Amino acid sequence: MSTTRDEPEVLIAAPASDAHTWNLIYLQLLVEELGHPTVNLGPCAPDEAIVEACLLYRPRLLLLSSVNGHGHQDGMRLITRIRATADLAALPVVIGGKLGVSGTDTDHADALRDAGFCAVFPDRPHAVTDFCRFLAALSERVVI
């Protein structure tokens, strides 16, 4: 579906504790290739900066990526703040990547979904394919 919106459809960030950039660039290129304008807030984005950017840009999706293994901790803190912000309560928010440093990443997925994430994409072989399917389904539900 084409759009005439000037605003980004997808806001991409790594949470405050994650300094990795290659994953964010990859995601930005992937999402843009799929036809969705983005704003990439980069690594180590403070919670307040992410919330302010969501309020400013009004994206259709917030995409958080974690490589350092603290995605579940950062994600829980951030989603609580987003869901407590009235203007962002319904914003679709997803998180993916390395979500923990022990056990399996899927151990954290249910807790993150229960906290308010629309979808969680743990570090596993089909995560990118699963995300692309999610993005396509989200796009189909959006009416412009």
C-alpha atoms as a PDB file:
ATOM      1  CA  MET A   1       0.000   0.000   0.000  1.00  0.00           C
ATOM      2  CA  SER A   2       1.476   3.327  -0.960  1.00  0.00           C
ATOM      3  CA  THR A   3       1.309   6.299   1.328  1.00  0.00           C
ATOM      4  CA  THR A   4       1.545  10.051   1.057  1.00  0.00           C
ATOM      5  CA  ARG A   5       2.604  10.513   4.663  1.00  0.00           C
ATOM      6  CA  ASP A   6       5.700  12.613   5.220  1.00  0.00           C
ATOM      7  CA  GLU A   7       6.220  11.126   8.660  1.00  0.00           C
ATOM      8  CA  PRO A   8       8.165   7.933   9.165  1.00  0.00           C
ATOM      9  CA  GLU A   9       6.126   4.799   9.462  1.00  0.00           C
ATOM     10  CA  VAL A  10       8.719   2.976  11.563  1.00  0.00           C
ATOM     11  CA  LEU A  11      10.901   4.332  14.337  1.00  0.00           C
ATOM     12  CA  ILE A  12      13.985   2.156  15.010  1.00  0.00           C
ATOM     13  CA  ALA A  13      16.193   2.253  18.118  1.00  0.00           C
ATOM     14  CA  ALA A  14      18.477   0.275  20.364  1.00  0.00           C
ATOM     15  CA  PRO A  15      17.666   0.728  24.047  1.00  0.00           C
ATOM     16  CA  ALA A  16      19.839   2.724  26.431  1.00  0.00           C
ATOM     17  CA  SER A  17      22.251  -0.079  27.342  1.00  0.00           C
ATOM     18  CA  ASP A  18      22.916  -1.287  23.790  1.00  0.00           C
ATOM     19  CA  ALA A  19      25.721   0.385  21.799  1.00  0.00           C
ATOM     20  CA  HIS A  20      25.498  -1.806  18.689  1.00  0.00           C
ATOM     21  CA  THR A  21      24.766  -0.130  15.363  1.00  0.00           C
ATOM     22  CA  TRP A  22      25.066  -2.757  12.632  1.00  0.00           C
ATOM     23  CA  ASN A  23      21.722  -4.315  13.571  1.00  0.00           C
ATOM     24  CA  LEU A  24      19.978  -0.935  13.398  1.00  0.00           C
ATOM     25  CA  ILE A  25      21.386  -0.173   9.963  1.00  0.00           C
ATOM     26  CA  TYR A  26      20.382  -3.620   8.722  1.00  0.00           C
ATOM     27  CA  LEU A  27      16.839  -3.163  10.060  1.00  0.00           C
ATOM     28  CA  GLN A  28      16.551   0.317   8.587  1.00  0.00           C
ATOM     29  CA  LEU A  29      17.607  -0.929   5.139  1.00  0.00           C
ATOM     30  CA  LEU A  30      15.272  -3.934   5.387  1.00  0.00           C
ATOM     31  CA  VAL A  31      12.240  -1.908   6.496  1.00  0.00           C
ATOM     32  CA  GLU A  32      12.848   0.787   3.880  1.00  0.00           C
ATOM     33  CA  GLU A  33      13.292  -1.839   1.163  1.00  0.00           C
ATOM     34  CA  LEU A  34       9.878  -3.168   2.180  1.00  0.00           C
ATOM     35  CA  GLY A  35       8.476   0.299   1.492  1.00  0.00           C
ATOM     36  CA  HIS A  36       8.266   1.848   4.952  1.00  0.00           C
ATOM     37  CA  PRO A  37       9.974   5.193   5.672  1.00  0.00           C
ATOM     38  CA  THR A  38      12.013   5.100   8.869  1.00  0.00           C
ATOM     39  CA  VAL A  39      13.767   7.225  11.434  1.00  0.00           C
ATOM     40  CA  ASN A  40      16.703   5.497  13.087  1.00  0.00           C
ATOM     41  CA  LEU A  41      17.417   6.877  16.577  1.00  0.00           C
ATOM     42  CA  GLY A  42      20.609   4.848  16.775  1.00  0.00           C
ATOM     43  CA  PRO A  43      22.213   2.982  19.662  1.00  0.00           C
ATOM     44  CA  CYS A  44      22.005   3.799  23.364  1.00  0.00           C
ATOM     45  CA  ALA A  45      18.765   5.725  22.906  1.00  0.00           C
ATOM     46  CA  PRO A  46      17.581   6.912  26.325  1.00  0.00           C
ATOM     47  CA  ASP A  47      14.015   5.982  27.236  1.00  0.00           C
ATOM     48  CA  GLU A  48      12.983   9.634  27.313  1.00  0.00           C
ATOM     49  CA  ALA A  49      14.393  10.220  23.817  1.00  0.00           C
ATOM     50  CA  ILE A  50      12.472   7.243  22.438  1.00  0.00           C
ATOM     51  CA  VAL A  51       9.211   8.394  24.046  1.00  0.00           C
ATOM     52  CA  GLU A  52       9.737  11.968  22.815  1.00  0.00           C
ATOM     53  CA  ALA A  53      10.504  10.743  19.280  1.00  0.00           C
ATOM     54  CA  CYS A  54       7.333   8.638  19.283  1.00  0.00           C
ATOM     55  CA  LEU A  55       5.312  11.671  20.346  1.00  0.00           C
ATOM     56  CA  LEU A  56       7.011  13.866  17.746  1.00  0.00           C
ATOM     57  CA  TYR A  57       6.939  11.520  14.729  1.00  0.00           C
ATOM     58  CA  ARG A  58       3.787   9.489  15.516  1.00  0.00           C
ATOM     59  CA  PRO A  59       5.130   6.357  13.788  1.00  0.00           C
ATOM     60  CA  ARG A  60       2.967   3.376  12.955  1.00  0.00           C
ATOM     61  CA  LEU A  61       5.507   1.089  14.637  1.00  0.00           C
ATOM     62  CA  LEU A  62       8.338   1.328  17.152  1.00  0.00           C
ATOM     63  CA  LEU A  63      11.013  -1.308  16.501  1.00  0.00           C
ATOM     64  CA  LEU A  64      13.565  -1.985  19.251  1.00  0.00           C
ATOM     65  CA  SER A  65      16.634  -4.126  18.617  1.00  0.00           C
ATOM     66  CA  SER A  66      19.008  -5.595  21.175  1.00  0.00           C
ATOM     67  CA  VAL A  67      22.359  -7.267  20.617  1.00  0.00           C
ATOM     68  CA  ASN A  68      23.942  -7.023  24.067  1.00  0.00           C
ATOM     69  CA  GLY A  69      21.573  -9.449  25.796  1.00  0.00           C
ATOM     70  CA  HIS A  70      19.788  -6.951  28.006  1.00  0.00           C
ATOM     71  CA  GLY A  71      16.800  -6.494  25.702  1.00  0.00           C
ATOM     72  CA  HIS A  72      14.360  -7.934  28.216  1.00  0.00           C
ATOM     73  CA  GLN A  73      15.450  -5.518  30.960  1.00  0.00           C
ATOM     74  CA  ASP A  74      15.497  -2.440  28.740  1.00  0.00           C
ATOM     75  CA  GLY A  75      12.340  -3.564  26.982  1.00  0.00           C
ATOM     76  CA  MET A  76      10.345  -4.052  30.178  1.00  0.00           C
ATOM     77  CA  ARG A  77      11.306  -0.625  31.448  1.00  0.00           C
ATOM     78  CA  LEU A  78      10.585   1.103  28.144  1.00  0.00           C
ATOM     79  CA  ILE A  79       7.268  -0.592  27.346  1.00  0.00           C
ATOM     80  CA  THR A  80       5.984   0.304  30.810  1.00  0.00           C
ATOM     81  CA  ARG A  81       6.770   3.936  30.100  1.00  0.00           C
ATOM     82  CA  ILE A  82       5.261   3.866  26.609  1.00  0.00           C
ATOM     83  CA  ARG A  83       2.027   2.200  27.734  1.00  0.00           C
ATOM     84  CA  ALA A  84       1.734   4.749  30.580  1.00  0.00           C
ATOM     85  CA  THR A  85       1.868   7.617  28.052  1.00  0.00           C
ATOM     86  CA  ALA A  86      -1.732   8.206  26.956  1.00  0.00           C
ATOM     87  CA  ASP A  87      -0.856   9.254  23.388  1.00  0.00           C
ATOM     88  CA  LEU A  88       1.279   6.131  22.912  1.00  0.00           C
ATOM     89  CA  ALA A  89      -0.849   3.537  24.691  1.00  0.00           C
ATOM     90  CA  ALA A  90      -2.012   1.980  21.411  1.00  0.00           C
ATOM     91  CA  LEU A  91       1.280   2.323  19.488  1.00  0.00           C
ATOM     92  CA  PRO A  92       2.433  -1.030  18.110  1.00  0.00           C
ATOM     93  CA  VAL A  93       5.843  -1.779  19.660  1.00  0.00           C
ATOM     94  CA  VAL A  94       8.040  -4.780  18.870  1.00  0.00           C
ATOM     95  CA  ILE A  95      11.403  -5.936  20.170  1.00  0.00           C
ATOM     96  CA  GLY A  96      13.880  -8.423  18.818  1.00  0.00           C
ATOM     97  CA  GLY A  97      17.392  -9.719  19.005  1.00  0.00           C
ATOM     98  CA  LYS A  98      19.340 -11.049  21.945  1.00  0.00           C
ATOM     99  CA  LEU A  99      16.946 -10.573  24.832  1.00  0.00           C
ATOM    100  CA  GLY A 100      18.878 -12.235  27.653  1.00  0.00           C
ATOM    101  CA  VAL A 101      22.337 -13.316  28.711  1.00  0.00           C
ATOM    102  CA  SER A 102      21.338 -16.665  30.193  1.00  0.00           C
ATOM    103  CA  GLY A 103      18.829 -19.304  29.215  1.00  0.00           C
ATOM    104  CA  THR A 104      17.128 -18.890  25.885  1.00  0.00           C
ATOM    105  CA  ASP A 105      15.785 -15.667  24.445  1.00  0.00           C
ATOM    106  CA  THR A 106      12.377 -17.277  24.192  1.00  0.00           C
ATOM    107  CA  ASP A 107      12.324 -17.403  28.008  1.00  0.00           C
ATOM    108  CA  HIS A 108      11.688 -13.636  27.959  1.00  0.00           C
ATOM    109  CA  ALA A 109       9.212 -13.458  25.068  1.00  0.00           C
ATOM    110  CA  ASP A 110       6.023 -14.174  27.030  1.00  0.00           C
ATOM    111  CA  ALA A 111       6.877 -11.659  29.767  1.00  0.00           C
ATOM    112  CA  LEU A 112       7.617  -8.969  27.179  1.00  0.00           C
ATOM    113  CA  ARG A 113       4.335  -9.636  25.351  1.00  0.00           C
ATOM    114  CA  ASP A 114       2.452  -9.621  28.648  1.00  0.00           C
ATOM    115  CA  ALA A 115       4.038  -6.239  29.468  1.00  0.00           C
ATOM    116  CA  GLY A 116       2.664  -4.698  26.278  1.00  0.00           C
ATOM    117  CA  PHE A 117       4.824  -5.574  23.271  1.00  0.00           C
ATOM    118  CA  CYS A 118       2.763  -6.498  20.194  1.00  0.00           C
ATOM    119  CA  ALA A 119       5.373  -8.987  19.100  1.00  0.00           C
ATOM    120  CA  VAL A 120       8.735 -10.314  20.252  1.00  0.00           C
ATOM    121  CA  PHE A 121      11.346 -11.680  17.853  1.00  0.00           C
ATOM    122  CA  PRO A 122      13.979 -13.606  19.842  1.00  0.00           C
ATOM    123  CA  ASP A 123      17.359 -14.328  18.276  1.00  0.00           C
ATOM    124  CA  ARG A 124      16.573 -17.434  16.253  1.00  0.00           C
ATOM    125  CA  PRO A 125      16.902 -18.529  12.619  1.00  0.00           C
ATOM    126  CA  HIS A 126      13.508 -17.279  11.363  1.00  0.00           C
ATOM    127  CA  ALA A 127      13.302 -14.019  13.318  1.00  0.00           C
ATOM    128  CA  VAL A 128      13.752 -11.760  10.283  1.00  0.00           C
ATOM    129  CA  THR A 129      11.184 -13.708   8.249  1.00  0.00           C
ATOM    130  CA  ASP A 130       8.760 -13.589  11.172  1.00  0.00           C
ATOM    131  CA  PHE A 131       9.282  -9.827  11.506  1.00  0.00           C
ATOM    132  CA  CYS A 132       8.681  -9.284   7.780  1.00  0.00           C
ATOM    133  CA  ARG A 133       5.408 -11.215   8.039  1.00  0.00           C
ATOM    134  CA  PHE A 134       4.408  -9.141  11.063  1.00  0.00           C
ATOM    135  CA  LEU A 135       5.201  -5.897   9.218  1.00  0.00           C
ATOM    136  CA  ALA A 136       3.194  -7.005   6.169  1.00  0.00           C
ATOM    137  CA  ALA A 137       0.203  -7.924   8.343  1.00  0.00           C
ATOM    138  CA  LEU A 138       0.454  -4.602  10.217  1.00  0.00           C
ATOM    139  CA  SER A 139       0.513  -2.734   6.901  1.00  0.00           C
ATOM    140  CA  GLU A 140      -2.590  -4.571   5.714  1.00  0.00           C
ATOM    141  CA  ARG A 141      -4.490  -3.477   8.850  1.00  0.00           C
ATOM    142  CA  VAL A 142      -3.552   0.192   8.430  1.00  0.00           C
ATOM    143  CA  VAL A 143      -6.061   2.295   6.517  1.00  0.00           C
ATOM    144  CA  ILE A 144      -4.846   5.612   5.147  1.00  0.00           C
END
